[in-house]
């Protein structure tokens, strides 16, 4: 039981650097040319993602679980078990790099808010 507690505590410590932070990307345009996206790293260790391209309806992961790992500067966000098909669960949702005041995910720079 002590070993299980140790590993659980260590796993939580890996992700503390991003907890409670929100990062946002915007191309600075408006209307149909606008691209906006954000990643919110919740204190629970989950990740919430939302985005909007142009005038299309907003996409978000409400009701679906995402979780992440951070090893050195390498950030990997995974599909969780809630809300995703079995074929998708625990596969990579997005990946990138973490810097103190911004993230680079899929080539886009998300600034700390």
PDB file of N, CA and C in Angstrom:
ATOM      1  N   UNK A   1       0.822  -1.186   0.000  1.00  0.00           N
ATOM      2  CA  UNK A   1       0.000   0.000   0.000  1.00  0.00           C
ATOM      3  C   UNK A   1       0.870   1.254   0.000  1.00  0.00           C
ATOM      4  N   UNK A   2       1.993   1.214   0.692  1.00  0.00           N
ATOM      5  CA  UNK A   2       2.902   2.357   0.723  1.00  0.00           C
ATOM      6  C   UNK A   2       3.455   2.626  -0.673  1.00  0.00           C
ATOM      7  N   UNK A   3       3.784   1.558  -1.400  1.00  0.00           N
ATOM      8  CA  UNK A   3       4.311   1.720  -2.759  1.00  0.00           C
ATOM      9  C   UNK A   3       3.282   2.375  -3.661  1.00  0.00           C
ATOM     10  N   UNK A   4       2.024   1.967  -3.570  1.00  0.00           N
ATOM     11  CA  UNK A   4       0.959   2.560  -4.373  1.00  0.00           C
ATOM     12  C   UNK A   4       0.814   4.037  -4.040  1.00  0.00           C
ATOM     13  N   UNK A   5       0.843   4.374  -2.768  1.00  0.00           N
ATOM     14  CA  UNK A   5       0.733   5.775  -2.359  1.00  0.00           C
ATOM     15  C   UNK A   5       1.895   6.592  -2.894  1.00  0.00           C
ATOM     16  N   UNK A   6       3.089   6.021  -2.876  1.00  0.00           N
ATOM     17  CA  UNK A   6       4.268   6.720  -3.365  1.00  0.00           C
ATOM     18  C   UNK A   6       4.130   7.031  -4.849  1.00  0.00           C
ATOM     19  N   UNK A   7       3.731   6.026  -5.655  1.00  0.00           N
ATOM     20  CA  UNK A   7       3.602   6.238  -7.090  1.00  0.00           C
ATOM     21  C   UNK A   7       2.480   7.208  -7.418  1.00  0.00           C
ATOM     22  N   UNK A   8       1.392   7.159  -6.695  1.00  0.00           N
ATOM     23  CA  UNK A   8       0.294   8.101  -6.908  1.00  0.00           C
ATOM     24  C   UNK A   8       0.757   9.520  -6.602  1.00  0.00           C
ATOM     25  N   UNK A   9       1.477   9.693  -5.522  1.00  0.00           N
ATOM     26  CA  UNK A   9       1.978  11.019  -5.161  1.00  0.00           C
ATOM     27  C   UNK A   9       2.959  11.519  -6.203  1.00  0.00           C
ATOM     28  N   UNK A  10       3.833  10.666  -6.680  1.00  0.00           N
ATOM     29  CA  UNK A  10       4.811  11.069  -7.689  1.00  0.00           C
ATOM     30  C   UNK A  10       4.120  11.468  -8.989  1.00  0.00           C
ATOM     31  N   UNK A  11       3.131  10.698  -9.406  1.00  0.00           N
ATOM     32  CA  UNK A  11       2.423  11.015 -10.635  1.00  0.00           C
ATOM     33  C   UNK A  11       1.778  12.394 -10.526  1.00  0.00           C
ATOM     34  N   UNK A  12       1.189  12.705  -9.389  1.00  0.00           N
ATOM     35  CA  UNK A  12       0.589  14.021  -9.201  1.00  0.00           C
ATOM     36  C   UNK A  12       1.619  15.127  -9.246  1.00  0.00           C
ATOM     37  N   UNK A  13       2.801  14.876  -8.736  1.00  0.00           N
ATOM     38  CA  UNK A  13       3.846  15.889  -8.726  1.00  0.00           C
ATOM     39  C   UNK A  13       4.345  16.221 -10.129  1.00  0.00           C
ATOM     40  N   UNK A  14       4.276  15.279 -11.050  1.00  0.00           N
ATOM     41  CA  UNK A  14       4.734  15.519 -12.413  1.00  0.00           C
ATOM     42  C   UNK A  14       3.939  16.658 -13.040  1.00  0.00           C
ATOM     43  N   UNK A  15       2.659  16.751 -12.736  1.00  0.00           N
ATOM     44  CA  UNK A  15       1.775  17.677 -13.422  1.00  0.00           C
ATOM     45  C   UNK A  15       1.485  18.973 -12.663  1.00  0.00           C
ATOM     46  N   UNK A  16       2.167  19.238 -11.581  1.00  0.00           N
ATOM     47  CA  UNK A  16       1.825  20.413 -10.788  1.00  0.00           C
ATOM     48  C   UNK A  16       2.217  21.719 -11.459  1.00  0.00           C
ATOM     49  N   UNK A  17       3.181  21.715 -12.342  1.00  0.00           N
ATOM     50  CA  UNK A  17       3.673  22.943 -12.944  1.00  0.00           C
ATOM     51  C   UNK A  17       2.607  23.676 -13.779  1.00  0.00           C
ATOM     52  N   UNK A  18       1.686  22.952 -14.362  1.00  0.00           N
ATOM     53  CA  UNK A  18       0.675  23.559 -15.223  1.00  0.00           C
ATOM     54  C   UNK A  18      -0.684  23.738 -14.553  1.00  0.00           C
ATOM     55  N   UNK A  19      -0.881  23.136 -13.398  1.00  0.00           N
ATOM     56  CA  UNK A  19      -2.190  23.181 -12.743  1.00  0.00           C
ATOM     57  C   UNK A  19      -2.662  24.615 -12.519  1.00  0.00           C
ATOM     58  N   UNK A  20      -3.919  24.853 -12.905  1.00  0.00           N
ATOM     59  CA  UNK A  20      -4.525  26.162 -12.712  1.00  0.00           C
ATOM     60  C   UNK A  20      -4.159  27.188 -13.767  1.00  0.00           C
ATOM     61  N   UNK A  21      -3.403  26.804 -14.788  1.00  0.00           N
ATOM     62  CA  UNK A  21      -2.983  27.752 -15.823  1.00  0.00           C
ATOM     63  C   UNK A  21      -3.822  27.589 -17.078  1.00  0.00           C
ATOM     64  N   UNK A  22      -4.027  28.713 -17.770  1.00  0.00           N
ATOM     65  CA  UNK A  22      -4.731  28.729 -19.045  1.00  0.00           C
ATOM     66  C   UNK A  22      -3.825  29.362 -20.088  1.00  0.00           C
ATOM     67  N   UNK A  23      -3.761  28.729 -21.256  1.00  0.00           N
ATOM     68  CA  UNK A  23      -2.957  29.216 -22.370  1.00  0.00           C
ATOM     69  C   UNK A  23      -3.882  29.427 -23.559  1.00  0.00           C
ATOM     70  N   UNK A  24      -3.663  30.534 -24.285  1.00  0.00           N
ATOM     71  CA  UNK A  24      -4.568  30.894 -25.369  1.00  0.00           C
ATOM     72  C   UNK A  24      -3.804  31.263 -26.628  1.00  0.00           C
ATOM     73  N   UNK A  25      -4.351  30.831 -27.766  1.00  0.00           N
ATOM     74  CA  UNK A  25      -3.816  31.210 -29.076  1.00  0.00           C
ATOM     75  C   UNK A  25      -4.883  31.992 -29.829  1.00  0.00           C
ATOM     76  N   UNK A  26      -4.459  33.036 -30.518  1.00  0.00           N
ATOM     77  CA  UNK A  26      -5.340  33.775 -31.408  1.00  0.00           C
ATOM     78  C   UNK A  26      -4.508  34.291 -32.571  1.00  0.00           C
ATOM     79  N   UNK A  27      -5.063  34.202 -33.783  1.00  0.00           N
ATOM     80  CA  UNK A  27      -4.335  34.752 -34.930  1.00  0.00           C
ATOM     81  C   UNK A  27      -4.544  36.255 -35.049  1.00  0.00           C
ATOM     82  N   UNK A  28      -5.334  36.847 -34.161  1.00  0.00           N
ATOM     83  CA  UNK A  28      -5.518  38.293 -34.129  1.00  0.00           C
ATOM     84  C   UNK A  28      -6.522  38.834 -35.129  1.00  0.00           C
ATOM     85  N   UNK A  29      -7.133  37.964 -35.902  1.00  0.00           N
ATOM     86  CA  UNK A  29      -8.113  38.407 -36.892  1.00  0.00           C
ATOM     87  C   UNK A  29      -9.522  38.284 -36.327  1.00  0.00           C
ATOM     88  N   UNK A  30     -10.499  38.803 -37.055  1.00  0.00           N
ATOM     89  CA  UNK A  30     -11.891  38.781 -36.620  1.00  0.00           C
ATOM     90  C   UNK A  30     -12.774  38.197 -37.702  1.00  0.00           C
ATOM     91  N   UNK A  31     -13.989  37.855 -37.324  1.00  0.00           N
ATOM     92  CA  UNK A  31     -14.970  37.358 -38.277  1.00  0.00           C
ATOM     93  C   UNK A  31     -14.602  35.996 -38.823  1.00  0.00           C
ATOM     94  N   UNK A  32     -14.817  35.800 -40.103  1.00  0.00           N
ATOM     95  CA  UNK A  32     -14.621  34.485 -40.719  1.00  0.00           C
ATOM     96  C   UNK A  32     -13.157  34.072 -40.796  1.00  0.00           C
ATOM     97  N   UNK A  33     -12.232  35.000 -40.577  1.00  0.00           N
ATOM     98  CA  UNK A  33     -10.799  34.682 -40.634  1.00  0.00           C
ATOM     99  C   UNK A  33     -10.187  34.405 -39.260  1.00  0.00           C
ATOM    100  N   UNK A  34     -10.981  34.507 -38.219  1.00  0.00           N
ATOM    101  CA  UNK A  34     -10.477  34.347 -36.856  1.00  0.00           C
ATOM    102  C   UNK A  34     -10.189  32.877 -36.534  1.00  0.00           C
ATOM    103  N   UNK A  35      -9.067  32.655 -35.876  1.00  0.00           N
ATOM    104  CA  UNK A  35      -8.747  31.342 -35.315  1.00  0.00           C
ATOM    105  C   UNK A  35      -8.393  31.579 -33.858  1.00  0.00           C
ATOM    106  N   UNK A  36      -9.100  30.898 -32.956  1.00  0.00           N
ATOM    107  CA  UNK A  36      -8.894  31.069 -31.519  1.00  0.00           C
ATOM    108  C   UNK A  36      -8.953  29.700 -30.859  1.00  0.00           C
ATOM    109  N   UNK A  37      -8.077  29.484 -29.867  1.00  0.00           N
ATOM    110  CA  UNK A  37      -8.059  28.212 -29.162  1.00  0.00           C
ATOM    111  C   UNK A  37      -7.452  28.408 -27.782  1.00  0.00           C
ATOM    112  N   UNK A  38      -7.888  27.596 -26.815  1.00  0.00           N
ATOM    113  CA  UNK A  38      -7.295  27.674 -25.482  1.00  0.00           C
ATOM    114  C   UNK A  38      -7.229  26.292 -24.843  1.00  0.00           C
ATOM    115  N   UNK A  39      -6.259  26.138 -23.949  1.00  0.00           N
ATOM    116  CA  UNK A  39      -6.109  24.942 -23.120  1.00  0.00           C
ATOM    117  C   UNK A  39      -6.094  25.400 -21.674  1.00  0.00           C
ATOM    118  N   UNK A  40      -6.996  24.852 -20.872  1.00  0.00           N
ATOM    119  CA  UNK A  40      -7.053  25.171 -19.448  1.00  0.00           C
ATOM    120  C   UNK A  40      -6.643  23.915 -18.678  1.00  0.00           C
ATOM    121  N   UNK A  41      -5.602  24.038 -17.880  1.00  0.00           N
ATOM    122  CA  UNK A  41      -5.097  22.932 -17.074  1.00  0.00           C
ATOM    123  C   UNK A  41      -5.692  23.069 -15.681  1.00  0.00           C
ATOM    124  N   UNK A  42      -6.658  22.231 -15.403  1.00  0.00           N
ATOM    125  CA  UNK A  42      -7.397  22.325 -14.153  1.00  0.00           C
ATOM    126  C   UNK A  42      -6.585  21.781 -12.985  1.00  0.00           C
ATOM    127  N   UNK A  43      -6.924  22.215 -11.798  1.00  0.00           N
ATOM    128  CA  UNK A  43      -6.215  21.764 -10.594  1.00  0.00           C
ATOM    129  C   UNK A  43      -6.364  20.264 -10.364  1.00  0.00           C
ATOM    130  N   UNK A  44      -7.388  19.659 -10.940  1.00  0.00           N
ATOM    131  CA  UNK A  44      -7.616  18.220 -10.797  1.00  0.00           C
ATOM    132  C   UNK A  44      -6.639  17.393 -11.634  1.00  0.00           C
ATOM    133  N   UNK A  45      -5.912  18.045 -12.547  1.00  0.00           N
ATOM    134  CA  UNK A  45      -5.019  17.325 -13.453  1.00  0.00           C
ATOM    135  C   UNK A  45      -5.634  17.116 -14.824  1.00  0.00           C
ATOM    136  N   UNK A  46      -6.904  17.455 -14.975  1.00  0.00           N
ATOM    137  CA  UNK A  46      -7.559  17.355 -16.274  1.00  0.00           C
ATOM    138  C   UNK A  46      -7.251  18.585 -17.120  1.00  0.00           C
ATOM    139  N   UNK A  47      -7.533  18.469 -18.407  1.00  0.00           N
ATOM    140  CA  UNK A  47      -7.324  19.564 -19.357  1.00  0.00           C
ATOM    141  C   UNK A  47      -8.649  19.834 -20.046  1.00  0.00           C
ATOM    142  N   UNK A  48      -8.966  21.102 -20.238  1.00  0.00           N
ATOM    143  CA  UNK A  48     -10.160  21.506 -20.970  1.00  0.00           C
ATOM    144  C   UNK A  48      -9.689  22.273 -22.202  1.00  0.00           C
ATOM    145  N   UNK A  49     -10.171  21.893 -23.379  1.00  0.00           N
ATOM    146  CA  UNK A  49      -9.772  22.545 -24.621  1.00  0.00           C
ATOM    147  C   UNK A  49     -11.012  23.092 -25.322  1.00  0.00           C
ATOM    148  N   UNK A  50     -10.885  24.297 -25.835  1.00  0.00           N
ATOM    149  CA  UNK A  50     -11.941  24.855 -26.667  1.00  0.00           C
ATOM    150  C   UNK A  50     -11.311  25.657 -27.793  1.00  0.00           C
ATOM    151  N   UNK A  51     -11.996  25.702 -28.920  1.00  0.00           N
ATOM    152  CA  UNK A  51     -11.477  26.437 -30.064  1.00  0.00           C
ATOM    153  C   UNK A  51     -12.614  26.864 -30.984  1.00  0.00           C
ATOM    154  N   UNK A  52     -12.310  27.843 -31.820  1.00  0.00           N
ATOM    155  CA  UNK A  52     -13.281  28.314 -32.792  1.00  0.00           C
ATOM    156  C   UNK A  52     -12.527  28.809 -34.021  1.00  0.00           C
ATOM    157  N   UNK A  53     -13.007  28.410 -35.181  1.00  0.00           N
ATOM    158  CA  UNK A  53     -12.431  28.856 -36.446  1.00  0.00           C
ATOM    159  C   UNK A  53     -13.503  29.638 -37.189  1.00  0.00           C
ATOM    160  N   UNK A  54     -13.198  30.885 -37.457  1.00  0.00           N
ATOM    161  CA  UNK A  54     -14.141  31.738 -38.169  1.00  0.00           C
ATOM    162  C   UNK A  54     -15.472  31.840 -37.454  1.00  0.00           C
ATOM    163  N   UNK A  55     -16.549  31.747 -38.218  1.00  0.00           N
ATOM    164  CA  UNK A  55     -17.893  31.844 -37.654  1.00  0.00           C
ATOM    165  C   UNK A  55     -18.504  30.483 -37.349  1.00  0.00           C
ATOM    166  N   UNK A  56     -17.703  29.439 -37.461  1.00  0.00           N
ATOM    167  CA  UNK A  56     -18.191  28.086 -37.165  1.00  0.00           C
ATOM    168  C   UNK A  56     -18.508  27.970 -35.676  1.00  0.00           C
ATOM    169  N   UNK A  57     -19.364  27.024 -35.311  1.00  0.00           N
ATOM    170  CA  UNK A  57     -19.657  26.830 -33.887  1.00  0.00           C
ATOM    171  C   UNK A  57     -18.381  26.487 -33.107  1.00  0.00           C
ATOM    172  N   UNK A  58     -18.362  26.911 -31.867  1.00  0.00           N
ATOM    173  CA  UNK A  58     -17.223  26.648 -30.998  1.00  0.00           C
ATOM    174  C   UNK A  58     -17.112  25.152 -30.719  1.00  0.00           C
ATOM    175  N   UNK A  59     -15.891  24.613 -30.715  1.00  0.00           N
ATOM    176  CA  UNK A  59     -15.622  23.233 -30.334  1.00  0.00           C
ATOM    177  C   UNK A  59     -15.079  23.251 -28.910  1.00  0.00           C
ATOM    178  N   UNK A  60     -15.538  22.330 -28.071  1.00  0.00           N
ATOM    179  CA  UNK A  60     -14.936  22.205 -26.747  1.00  0.00           C
ATOM    180  C   UNK A  60     -15.003  20.754 -26.289  1.00  0.00           C
ATOM    181  N   UNK A  61     -14.264  20.458 -25.248  1.00  0.00           N
ATOM    182  CA  UNK A  61     -14.199  19.088 -24.730  1.00  0.00           C
ATOM    183  C   UNK A  61     -15.074  18.923 -23.489  1.00  0.00           C
ATOM    184  N   UNK A  62     -16.085  19.760 -23.349  1.00  0.00           N
ATOM    185  CA  UNK A  62     -17.011  19.647 -22.220  1.00  0.00           C
ATOM    186  C   UNK A  62     -17.635  18.257 -22.224  1.00  0.00           C
ATOM    187  N   UNK A  63     -17.604  17.584 -21.090  1.00  0.00           N
ATOM    188  CA  UNK A  63     -18.151  16.245 -20.978  1.00  0.00           C
ATOM    189  C   UNK A  63     -17.196  15.140 -21.375  1.00  0.00           C
ATOM    190  N   UNK A  64     -16.026  15.514 -21.860  1.00  0.00           N
ATOM    191  CA  UNK A  64     -15.012  14.536 -22.266  1.00  0.00           C
ATOM    192  C   UNK A  64     -13.731  14.785 -21.478  1.00  0.00           C
ATOM    193  N   UNK A  65     -13.132  13.730 -20.997  1.00  0.00           N
ATOM    194  CA  UNK A  65     -11.932  13.857 -20.178  1.00  0.00           C
ATOM    195  C   UNK A  65     -10.672  13.910 -21.038  1.00  0.00           C
ATOM    196  N   UNK A  66      -9.786  14.818 -20.700  1.00  0.00           N
ATOM    197  CA  UNK A  66      -8.429  14.876 -21.234  1.00  0.00           C
ATOM    198  C   UNK A  66      -7.493  14.912 -20.041  1.00  0.00           C
ATOM    199  N   UNK A  67      -6.324  14.319 -20.174  1.00  0.00           N
ATOM    200  CA  UNK A  67      -5.301  14.414 -19.132  1.00  0.00           C
ATOM    201  C   UNK A  67      -3.953  14.601 -19.809  1.00  0.00           C
ATOM    202  N   UNK A  68      -2.941  14.941 -19.051  1.00  0.00           N
ATOM    203  CA  UNK A  68      -1.659  15.256 -19.665  1.00  0.00           C
ATOM    204  C   UNK A  68      -0.485  14.734 -18.862  1.00  0.00           C
ATOM    205  N   UNK A  69       0.646  14.650 -19.549  1.00  0.00           N
ATOM    206  CA  UNK A  69       1.922  14.387 -18.894  1.00  0.00           C
ATOM    207  C   UNK A  69       2.877  15.492 -19.316  1.00  0.00           C
ATOM    208  N   UNK A  70       3.792  15.805 -18.445  1.00  0.00           N
ATOM    209  CA  UNK A  70       4.821  16.798 -18.733  1.00  0.00           C
ATOM    210  C   UNK A  70       6.143  16.207 -18.288  1.00  0.00           C
ATOM    211  N   UNK A  71       7.012  15.941 -19.241  1.00  0.00           N
ATOM    212  CA  UNK A  71       8.336  15.408 -18.958  1.00  0.00           C
ATOM    213  C   UNK A  71       9.353  16.388 -19.505  1.00  0.00           C
ATOM    214  N   UNK A  72      10.109  17.000 -18.598  1.00  0.00           N
ATOM    215  CA  UNK A  72      10.984  18.115 -18.947  1.00  0.00           C
ATOM    216  C   UNK A  72      10.123  19.188 -19.602  1.00  0.00           C
ATOM    217  N   UNK A  73      10.312  19.467 -20.864  1.00  0.00           N
ATOM    218  CA  UNK A  73       9.512  20.474 -21.573  1.00  0.00           C
ATOM    219  C   UNK A  73       8.496  19.841 -22.525  1.00  0.00           C
ATOM    220  N   UNK A  74       8.468  18.526 -22.603  1.00  0.00           N
ATOM    221  CA  UNK A  74       7.585  17.831 -23.533  1.00  0.00           C
ATOM    222  C   UNK A  74       6.213  17.617 -22.910  1.00  0.00           C
ATOM    223  N   UNK A  75       5.202  18.193 -23.534  1.00  0.00           N
ATOM    224  CA  UNK A  75       3.821  18.099 -23.077  1.00  0.00           C
ATOM    225  C   UNK A  75       3.048  17.164 -24.000  1.00  0.00           C
ATOM    226  N   UNK A  76       2.345  16.201 -23.417  1.00  0.00           N
ATOM    227  CA  UNK A  76       1.480  15.313 -24.185  1.00  0.00           C
ATOM    228  C   UNK A  76       0.111  15.302 -23.526  1.00  0.00           C
ATOM    229  N   UNK A  77      -0.921  15.576 -24.311  1.00  0.00           N
ATOM    230  CA  UNK A  77      -2.301  15.565 -23.841  1.00  0.00           C
ATOM    231  C   UNK A  77      -2.978  14.343 -24.439  1.00  0.00           C
ATOM    232  N   UNK A  78      -3.660  13.580 -23.579  1.00  0.00           N
ATOM    233  CA  UNK A  78      -4.287  12.325 -23.988  1.00  0.00           C
ATOM    234  C   UNK A  78      -5.802  12.396 -23.848  1.00  0.00           C
ATOM    235  N   UNK A  79      -6.490  11.600 -24.676  1.00  0.00           N
ATOM    236  CA  UNK A  79      -7.921  11.370 -24.488  1.00  0.00           C
ATOM    237  C   UNK A  79      -8.092  10.576 -23.198  1.00  0.00           C
ATOM    238  N   UNK A  80      -9.034  10.962 -22.382  1.00  0.00           N
ATOM    239  CA  UNK A  80      -9.332  10.209 -21.170  1.00  0.00           C
ATOM    240  C   UNK A  80     -10.374   9.137 -21.445  1.00  0.00           C
ATOM    241  N   UNK A  81     -10.905   8.573 -20.388  1.00  0.00           N
ATOM    242  CA  UNK A  81     -11.882   7.497 -20.563  1.00  0.00           C
ATOM    243  C   UNK A  81     -13.312   8.013 -20.666  1.00  0.00           C
ATOM    244  N   UNK A  82     -13.600   9.179 -20.125  1.00  0.00           N
ATOM    245  CA  UNK A  82     -14.974   9.701 -20.131  1.00  0.00           C
ATOM    246  C   UNK A  82     -15.250  10.471 -21.433  1.00  0.00           C
ATOM    247  N   UNK A  83     -16.298  10.073 -22.129  1.00  0.00           N
ATOM    248  CA  UNK A  83     -16.759  10.824 -23.291  1.00  0.00           C
ATOM    249  C   UNK A  83     -16.130  10.440 -24.622  1.00  0.00           C
ATOM    250  N   UNK A  84     -15.138   9.598 -24.639  1.00  0.00           N
ATOM    251  CA  UNK A  84     -14.471   9.211 -25.885  1.00  0.00           C
ATOM    252  C   UNK A  84     -14.759   7.746 -26.197  1.00  0.00           C
ATOM    253  N   UNK A  85     -14.782   7.404 -27.467  1.00  0.00           N
ATOM    254  CA  UNK A  85     -14.960   6.008 -27.877  1.00  0.00           C
ATOM    255  C   UNK A  85     -13.795   5.169 -27.370  1.00  0.00           C
ATOM    256  N   UNK A  86     -14.024   3.893 -27.156  1.00  0.00           N
ATOM    257  CA  UNK A  86     -12.986   3.000 -26.649  1.00  0.00           C
ATOM    258  C   UNK A  86     -11.752   3.000 -27.538  1.00  0.00           C
ATOM    259  N   UNK A  87     -11.943   3.140 -28.838  1.00  0.00           N
ATOM    260  CA  UNK A  87     -10.812   3.129 -29.771  1.00  0.00           C
ATOM    261  C   UNK A  87      -9.903   4.345 -29.597  1.00  0.00           C
ATOM    262  N   UNK A  88     -10.427   5.400 -29.028  1.00  0.00           N
ATOM    263  CA  UNK A  88      -9.688   6.656 -28.910  1.00  0.00           C
ATOM    264  C   UNK A  88      -9.058   6.820 -27.526  1.00  0.00           C
ATOM    265  N   UNK A  89      -9.619   6.191 -26.512  1.00  0.00           N
ATOM    266  CA  UNK A  89      -9.162   6.391 -25.136  1.00  0.00           C
ATOM    267  C   UNK A  89      -7.669   6.131 -24.973  1.00  0.00           C
ATOM    268  N   UNK A  90      -7.034   7.016 -24.217  1.00  0.00           N
ATOM    269  CA  UNK A  90      -5.610   6.932 -23.882  1.00  0.00           C
ATOM    270  C   UNK A  90      -4.691   7.058 -25.088  1.00  0.00           C
ATOM    271  N   UNK A  91      -5.190   7.642 -26.175  1.00  0.00           N
ATOM    272  CA  UNK A  91      -4.340   7.969 -27.314  1.00  0.00           C
ATOM    273  C   UNK A  91      -4.037   9.467 -27.274  1.00  0.00           C
ATOM    274  N   UNK A  92      -3.048   9.889 -28.006  1.00  0.00           N
ATOM    275  CA  UNK A  92      -2.617  11.289 -27.980  1.00  0.00           C
ATOM    276  C   UNK A  92      -3.672  12.187 -28.628  1.00  0.00           C
ATOM    277  N   UNK A  93      -4.025  13.233 -27.915  1.00  0.00           N
ATOM    278  CA  UNK A  93      -4.957  14.257 -28.394  1.00  0.00           C
ATOM    279  C   UNK A  93      -4.173  15.403 -29.033  1.00  0.00           C
ATOM    280  N   UNK A  94      -3.094  15.816 -28.366  1.00  0.00           N
ATOM    281  CA  UNK A  94      -2.225  16.886 -28.858  1.00  0.00           C
ATOM    282  C   UNK A  94      -0.881  16.767 -28.150  1.00  0.00           C
ATOM    283  N   UNK A  95       0.134  17.335 -28.755  1.00  0.00           N
ATOM    284  CA  UNK A  95       1.450  17.320 -28.107  1.00  0.00           C
ATOM    285  C   UNK A  95       2.209  18.590 -28.457  1.00  0.00           C
ATOM    286  N   UNK A  96       3.179  18.892 -27.632  1.00  0.00           N
ATOM    287  CA  UNK A  96       3.960  20.092 -27.866  1.00  0.00           C
ATOM    288  C   UNK A  96       5.017  20.287 -26.803  1.00  0.00           C
ATOM    289  N   UNK A  97       5.408  21.547 -26.617  1.00  0.00           N
ATOM    290  CA  UNK A  97       6.437  21.884 -25.649  1.00  0.00           C
ATOM    291  C   UNK A  97       5.935  22.967 -24.705  1.00  0.00           C
ATOM    292  N   UNK A  98       6.385  22.887 -23.455  1.00  0.00           N
ATOM    293  CA  UNK A  98       6.010  23.854 -22.425  1.00  0.00           C
ATOM    294  C   UNK A  98       7.195  24.762 -22.128  1.00  0.00           C
ATOM    295  N   UNK A  99       6.949  26.043 -22.145  1.00  0.00           N
ATOM    296  CA  UNK A  99       7.901  27.058 -21.721  1.00  0.00           C
ATOM    297  C   UNK A  99       7.201  27.831 -20.607  1.00  0.00           C
ATOM    298  N   UNK A 100       7.898  28.555 -19.815  1.00  0.00           N
ATOM    299  CA  UNK A 100       7.299  29.157 -18.624  1.00  0.00           C
ATOM    300  C   UNK A 100       6.053  29.994 -18.899  1.00  0.00           C
ATOM    301  N   UNK A 101       6.054  30.781 -19.959  1.00  0.00           N
ATOM    302  CA  UNK A 101       4.916  31.664 -20.209  1.00  0.00           C
ATOM    303  C   UNK A 101       4.177  31.355 -21.509  1.00  0.00           C
ATOM    304  N   UNK A 102       4.494  30.232 -22.139  1.00  0.00           N
ATOM    305  CA  UNK A 102       3.747  29.835 -23.325  1.00  0.00           C
ATOM    306  C   UNK A 102       3.938  28.349 -23.627  1.00  0.00           C
ATOM    307  N   UNK A 103       3.036  27.833 -24.458  1.00  0.00           N
ATOM    308  CA  UNK A 103       3.096  26.466 -24.978  1.00  0.00           C
ATOM    309  C   UNK A 103       3.189  26.539 -26.489  1.00  0.00           C
ATOM    310  N   UNK A 104       3.830  25.565 -27.092  1.00  0.00           N
ATOM    311  CA  UNK A 104       3.765  25.390 -28.535  1.00  0.00           C
ATOM    312  C   UNK A 104       3.113  24.033 -28.766  1.00  0.00           C
ATOM    313  N   UNK A 105       1.910  24.047 -29.330  1.00  0.00           N
ATOM    314  CA  UNK A 105       1.160  22.827 -29.606  1.00  0.00           C
ATOM    315  C   UNK A 105       0.785  22.845 -31.083  1.00  0.00           C
ATOM    316  N   UNK A 106       1.134  21.793 -31.778  1.00  0.00           N
ATOM    317  CA  UNK A 106       0.854  21.671 -33.209  1.00  0.00           C
ATOM    318  C   UNK A 106       1.324  22.904 -33.975  1.00  0.00           C
ATOM    319  N   UNK A 107       2.469  23.441 -33.590  1.00  0.00           N
ATOM    320  CA  UNK A 107       3.057  24.573 -34.288  1.00  0.00           C
ATOM    321  C   UNK A 107       2.485  25.926 -33.915  1.00  0.00           C
ATOM    322  N   UNK A 108       1.494  25.984 -33.042  1.00  0.00           N
ATOM    323  CA  UNK A 108       0.884  27.243 -32.626  1.00  0.00           C
ATOM    324  C   UNK A 108       1.376  27.635 -31.243  1.00  0.00           C
ATOM    325  N   UNK A 109       1.607  28.924 -31.044  1.00  0.00           N
ATOM    326  CA  UNK A 109       2.099  29.428 -29.764  1.00  0.00           C
ATOM    327  C   UNK A 109       0.937  29.910 -28.911  1.00  0.00           C
ATOM    328  N   UNK A 110       0.704  29.225 -27.791  1.00  0.00           N
ATOM    329  CA  UNK A 110      -0.359  29.542 -26.842  1.00  0.00           C
ATOM    330  C   UNK A 110       0.254  30.318 -25.684  1.00  0.00           C
ATOM    331  N   UNK A 111      -0.213  31.543 -25.474  1.00  0.00           N
ATOM    332  CA  UNK A 111       0.338  32.417 -24.438  1.00  0.00           C
ATOM    333  C   UNK A 111      -0.384  32.205 -23.105  1.00  0.00           C
ATOM    334  N   UNK A 112       0.373  32.269 -22.016  1.00  0.00           N
ATOM    335  CA  UNK A 112      -0.194  32.176 -20.671  1.00  0.00           C
ATOM    336  C   UNK A 112      -1.112  33.363 -20.441  1.00  0.00           C
ATOM    337  N   UNK A 113      -2.297  33.089 -19.906  1.00  0.00           N
ATOM    338  CA  UNK A 113      -3.290  34.161 -19.645  1.00  0.00           C
ATOM    339  C   UNK A 113      -3.277  34.533 -18.184  1.00  0.00           C
TER     340      UNK A 113
END
